[in-house]
């Protein structure tokens, strides 16, 4: 499974109300590690632990191995991480006060 390099950006404002996505999670964010799919945004660690964690897009899944593209550095080589070695972002839209 592959994903296009064209992404749709969504403007999240205080008035943003998520469309019904089953569990009201922002589009493009997985609900669980089992729900990971191509196109989802996750946080992944660089090879060198000292380089930290960065946003990455899942471009392909082979079993439990994810092929990732760094979101802000798409020309960098893709990396592979185990599905449980990535962090999930909180996709809950802002709630009005």
N, C-alpha and C. Protein backbone atom coordinates (compact mmCIF):
# COMPACT_ATOMS: atom_id res chain seq x y z
N UNK A 1 0.85 -1.17 0.00
CA UNK A 1 0.00 0.00 0.00
C UNK A 1 0.89 1.23 0.00
N UNK A 2 0.64 2.15 -0.90
CA UNK A 2 1.40 3.39 -0.99
C UNK A 2 0.45 4.57 -0.84
N UNK A 3 1.01 5.73 -0.50
CA UNK A 3 0.20 6.93 -0.33
C UNK A 3 0.78 8.05 -1.18
N UNK A 4 -0.07 8.91 -1.66
CA UNK A 4 0.36 10.04 -2.48
C UNK A 4 1.12 11.04 -1.62
N UNK A 5 2.02 11.80 -2.23
CA UNK A 5 2.75 12.83 -1.52
C UNK A 5 1.92 14.09 -1.31
N UNK A 6 0.74 14.14 -1.90
CA UNK A 6 -0.13 15.30 -1.75
C UNK A 6 -1.01 15.11 -0.52
N UNK A 7 -0.89 16.04 0.42
CA UNK A 7 -1.67 15.97 1.65
C UNK A 7 -2.63 17.14 1.71
N UNK A 8 -3.73 16.96 2.35
CA UNK A 8 -4.68 18.03 2.56
C UNK A 8 -4.45 18.59 3.95
N UNK A 9 -4.21 19.89 4.04
CA UNK A 9 -4.00 20.54 5.33
C UNK A 9 -5.34 21.02 5.86
N UNK A 10 -5.52 20.87 7.15
CA UNK A 10 -6.76 21.29 7.79
C UNK A 10 -6.43 22.39 8.77
N UNK A 11 -7.20 23.46 8.75
CA UNK A 11 -7.00 24.57 9.67
C UNK A 11 -7.75 24.27 10.97
N UNK A 12 -7.03 23.90 12.03
CA UNK A 12 -7.65 23.62 13.32
C UNK A 12 -7.71 24.92 14.10
N UNK A 13 -8.90 25.43 14.31
CA UNK A 13 -9.10 26.66 15.07
C UNK A 13 -9.93 26.33 16.29
N UNK A 14 -10.14 27.32 17.10
CA UNK A 14 -10.95 27.11 18.31
C UNK A 14 -12.36 26.67 17.95
N UNK A 15 -12.83 27.06 16.76
CA UNK A 15 -14.19 26.70 16.35
C UNK A 15 -14.25 25.40 15.57
N UNK A 16 -13.12 24.73 15.42
CA UNK A 16 -13.08 23.52 14.60
C UNK A 16 -13.92 22.43 15.25
N UNK A 17 -14.78 21.84 14.47
CA UNK A 17 -15.56 20.68 14.91
C UNK A 17 -15.25 19.54 13.95
N UNK A 18 -14.72 18.47 14.46
CA UNK A 18 -14.34 17.35 13.62
C UNK A 18 -15.56 16.70 13.01
N UNK A 19 -15.49 16.35 11.72
CA UNK A 19 -16.56 15.56 11.16
C UNK A 19 -16.60 14.20 11.84
N UNK A 20 -17.69 13.50 11.72
CA UNK A 20 -17.82 12.21 12.38
C UNK A 20 -16.82 11.21 11.79
N UNK A 21 -15.83 10.83 12.59
CA UNK A 21 -14.83 9.84 12.19
C UNK A 21 -14.93 8.62 13.09
N UNK A 22 -16.10 8.31 13.53
CA UNK A 22 -16.28 7.16 14.40
C UNK A 22 -16.03 7.53 15.84
N UNK A 23 -14.80 7.88 16.17
CA UNK A 23 -14.45 8.23 17.55
C UNK A 23 -14.02 9.69 17.66
N UNK A 24 -14.41 10.53 16.73
CA UNK A 24 -14.11 11.96 16.72
C UNK A 24 -12.61 12.23 16.81
N UNK A 25 -11.86 11.54 16.03
CA UNK A 25 -10.41 11.76 15.96
C UNK A 25 -10.11 12.54 14.69
N UNK A 26 -9.15 13.45 14.79
CA UNK A 26 -8.77 14.26 13.63
C UNK A 26 -8.33 13.34 12.49
N UNK A 27 -8.67 13.71 11.25
CA UNK A 27 -8.28 12.88 10.10
C UNK A 27 -6.77 12.77 9.98
N UNK A 28 -6.30 11.59 9.58
CA UNK A 28 -4.86 11.38 9.40
C UNK A 28 -4.14 10.90 10.63
N UNK A 29 -4.87 10.74 11.73
CA UNK A 29 -4.24 10.26 12.97
C UNK A 29 -4.87 8.93 13.37
N UNK A 30 -4.05 7.96 13.70
CA UNK A 30 -4.58 6.64 14.07
C UNK A 30 -5.15 6.63 15.48
N UNK A 31 -6.09 5.72 15.71
CA UNK A 31 -6.66 5.54 17.04
C UNK A 31 -5.80 4.63 17.91
N UNK A 32 -5.09 3.69 17.28
CA UNK A 32 -4.28 2.73 18.03
C UNK A 32 -3.17 2.20 17.13
N UNK A 33 -2.24 1.48 17.72
CA UNK A 33 -1.16 0.89 16.93
C UNK A 33 -1.72 -0.15 15.95
N UNK A 34 -2.80 -0.81 16.35
CA UNK A 34 -3.42 -1.79 15.45
C UNK A 34 -4.10 -1.11 14.26
N UNK A 35 -4.47 0.16 14.42
CA UNK A 35 -5.18 0.88 13.37
C UNK A 35 -4.28 1.67 12.44
N UNK A 36 -2.96 1.49 12.55
CA UNK A 36 -2.04 2.24 11.69
C UNK A 36 -2.26 1.89 10.23
N UNK A 37 -2.19 2.91 9.37
CA UNK A 37 -2.37 2.71 7.93
C UNK A 37 -1.51 3.71 7.17
N UNK A 38 -1.28 3.43 5.91
CA UNK A 38 -0.53 4.35 5.06
C UNK A 38 -1.22 5.70 5.07
N UNK A 39 -0.43 6.76 5.20
CA UNK A 39 -0.97 8.11 5.24
C UNK A 39 -1.10 8.67 6.64
N UNK A 40 -1.04 7.82 7.66
CA UNK A 40 -1.15 8.30 9.03
C UNK A 40 0.13 9.02 9.46
N UNK A 41 -0.06 10.03 10.30
CA UNK A 41 1.05 10.79 10.87
C UNK A 41 1.37 10.22 12.25
N UNK A 42 2.64 9.92 12.49
CA UNK A 42 3.10 9.39 13.78
C UNK A 42 4.37 10.13 14.18
N UNK A 43 4.87 9.84 15.36
CA UNK A 43 6.14 10.38 15.83
C UNK A 43 7.12 9.20 15.90
N UNK A 44 8.29 9.37 15.27
CA UNK A 44 9.27 8.28 15.25
C UNK A 44 10.63 8.82 15.68
N UNK A 45 11.41 7.94 16.26
CA UNK A 45 12.74 8.31 16.75
C UNK A 45 13.78 8.12 15.65
N UNK A 46 14.72 9.05 15.59
CA UNK A 46 15.86 8.94 14.68
C UNK A 46 16.69 7.71 15.09
N UNK A 47 17.57 7.27 14.18
CA UNK A 47 18.47 6.15 14.50
C UNK A 47 19.29 6.46 15.75
N UNK A 48 19.85 7.67 15.80
CA UNK A 48 20.64 8.09 16.95
C UNK A 48 19.68 8.69 17.98
N UNK A 49 19.60 8.09 19.15
CA UNK A 49 18.67 8.51 20.19
C UNK A 49 18.82 9.99 20.51
N UNK A 50 20.03 10.51 20.43
CA UNK A 50 20.27 11.91 20.76
C UNK A 50 19.62 12.88 19.77
N UNK A 51 19.24 12.39 18.58
CA UNK A 51 18.62 13.26 17.57
C UNK A 51 17.13 13.46 17.79
N UNK A 52 16.56 12.73 18.73
CA UNK A 52 15.18 12.96 19.12
C UNK A 52 14.12 12.27 18.27
N UNK A 53 12.88 12.74 18.44
CA UNK A 53 11.70 12.19 17.79
C UNK A 53 11.14 13.22 16.82
N UNK A 54 10.62 12.77 15.67
CA UNK A 54 10.14 13.67 14.64
C UNK A 54 8.85 13.13 14.03
N UNK A 55 8.07 14.03 13.43
CA UNK A 55 6.84 13.64 12.75
C UNK A 55 7.20 12.87 11.48
N UNK A 56 6.48 11.78 11.26
CA UNK A 56 6.73 10.95 10.08
C UNK A 56 5.40 10.45 9.53
N UNK A 57 5.36 10.28 8.23
CA UNK A 57 4.19 9.74 7.55
C UNK A 57 4.43 8.27 7.21
N UNK A 58 3.45 7.44 7.46
CA UNK A 58 3.55 6.04 7.07
C UNK A 58 3.31 5.96 5.56
N UNK A 59 4.27 5.42 4.83
CA UNK A 59 4.11 5.31 3.38
C UNK A 59 3.86 3.87 2.94
N UNK A 60 4.22 2.91 3.80
CA UNK A 60 4.00 1.51 3.45
C UNK A 60 4.05 0.68 4.72
N UNK A 61 3.28 -0.41 4.74
CA UNK A 61 3.27 -1.32 5.89
C UNK A 61 3.50 -2.73 5.38
N UNK A 62 4.47 -3.41 5.97
CA UNK A 62 4.75 -4.81 5.67
C UNK A 62 4.74 -5.57 6.98
N UNK A 63 3.64 -6.24 7.28
CA UNK A 63 3.51 -6.93 8.56
C UNK A 63 3.50 -5.91 9.68
N UNK A 64 4.45 -6.03 10.61
CA UNK A 64 4.55 -5.07 11.71
C UNK A 64 5.60 -3.99 11.45
N UNK A 65 6.18 -3.99 10.26
CA UNK A 65 7.22 -3.02 9.90
C UNK A 65 6.62 -1.87 9.10
N UNK A 66 6.88 -0.65 9.56
CA UNK A 66 6.38 0.55 8.90
C UNK A 66 7.50 1.21 8.11
N UNK A 67 7.24 1.58 6.87
CA UNK A 67 8.16 2.41 6.10
C UNK A 67 7.69 3.85 6.31
N UNK A 68 8.58 4.70 6.80
CA UNK A 68 8.23 6.06 7.17
C UNK A 68 9.00 7.08 6.35
N UNK A 69 8.33 8.18 6.09
CA UNK A 69 8.96 9.33 5.43
C UNK A 69 8.87 10.49 6.43
N UNK A 70 10.01 11.14 6.69
CA UNK A 70 10.01 12.27 7.61
C UNK A 70 9.14 13.37 7.03
N UNK A 71 8.15 13.83 7.78
CA UNK A 71 7.19 14.82 7.28
C UNK A 71 7.86 16.10 6.79
N UNK A 72 8.79 16.63 7.55
CA UNK A 72 9.42 17.89 7.19
C UNK A 72 10.65 17.72 6.31
N UNK A 73 11.06 16.48 6.07
CA UNK A 73 12.26 16.21 5.27
C UNK A 73 11.98 15.06 4.30
N UNK A 74 11.05 15.25 3.37
CA UNK A 74 10.64 14.15 2.48
C UNK A 74 11.74 13.66 1.55
N UNK A 75 12.81 14.43 1.36
CA UNK A 75 13.89 13.99 0.48
C UNK A 75 14.89 13.08 1.19
N UNK A 76 14.79 13.01 2.52
CA UNK A 76 15.65 12.10 3.27
C UNK A 76 15.22 10.67 2.97
N UNK A 77 16.16 9.74 3.08
CA UNK A 77 15.78 8.33 2.84
C UNK A 77 14.68 7.88 3.81
N UNK A 78 13.82 7.03 3.31
CA UNK A 78 12.77 6.47 4.16
C UNK A 78 13.42 5.56 5.20
N UNK A 79 12.76 5.44 6.34
CA UNK A 79 13.26 4.59 7.42
C UNK A 79 12.21 3.55 7.74
N UNK A 80 12.62 2.49 8.40
CA UNK A 80 11.67 1.44 8.82
C UNK A 80 11.70 1.34 10.33
N UNK A 81 10.50 1.24 10.90
CA UNK A 81 10.34 1.09 12.34
C UNK A 81 9.24 0.07 12.59
N UNK A 82 9.36 -0.64 13.70
CA UNK A 82 8.31 -1.56 14.13
C UNK A 82 7.10 -0.73 14.56
N UNK A 83 5.91 -1.25 14.35
CA UNK A 83 4.69 -0.49 14.65
C UNK A 83 4.61 -0.06 16.11
N UNK A 84 5.19 -0.83 17.04
CA UNK A 84 5.14 -0.43 18.44
C UNK A 84 6.27 0.51 18.83
N UNK A 85 7.14 0.86 17.88
CA UNK A 85 8.26 1.76 18.16
C UNK A 85 7.95 3.20 17.75
N UNK A 86 6.71 3.47 17.36
CA UNK A 86 6.32 4.84 17.03
C UNK A 86 5.33 5.34 18.07
N UNK A 87 5.27 6.66 18.23
CA UNK A 87 4.31 7.27 19.15
C UNK A 87 3.13 7.79 18.36
N UNK A 88 1.96 7.70 18.96
CA UNK A 88 0.74 8.20 18.33
C UNK A 88 0.47 9.61 18.82
N UNK A 89 -0.06 10.45 17.95
CA UNK A 89 -0.45 11.81 18.31
C UNK A 89 -1.88 11.80 18.84
N UNK A 90 -2.17 12.69 19.76
CA UNK A 90 -3.54 12.82 20.27
C UNK A 90 -4.36 13.52 19.22
N UNK A 91 -5.29 12.80 18.63
CA UNK A 91 -6.09 13.34 17.55
C UNK A 91 -7.40 13.96 17.99
N UNK A 92 -7.59 14.14 19.29
CA UNK A 92 -8.83 14.70 19.77
C UNK A 92 -8.88 16.18 19.42
N UNK A 93 -9.89 16.61 18.67
CA UNK A 93 -10.01 18.03 18.32
C UNK A 93 -10.22 18.89 19.57
N UNK A 94 -9.84 20.16 19.50
CA UNK A 94 -10.05 21.06 20.64
C UNK A 94 -11.54 21.14 20.97
N UNK A 95 -11.83 21.19 22.24
CA UNK A 95 -13.21 21.33 22.69
C UNK A 95 -13.45 22.78 23.10
N UNK A 96 -14.62 23.29 22.78
CA UNK A 96 -14.93 24.67 23.20
C UNK A 96 -15.22 24.70 24.69
N UNK A 97 -14.89 25.83 25.29
CA UNK A 97 -15.03 25.97 26.75
C UNK A 97 -16.45 26.19 27.18
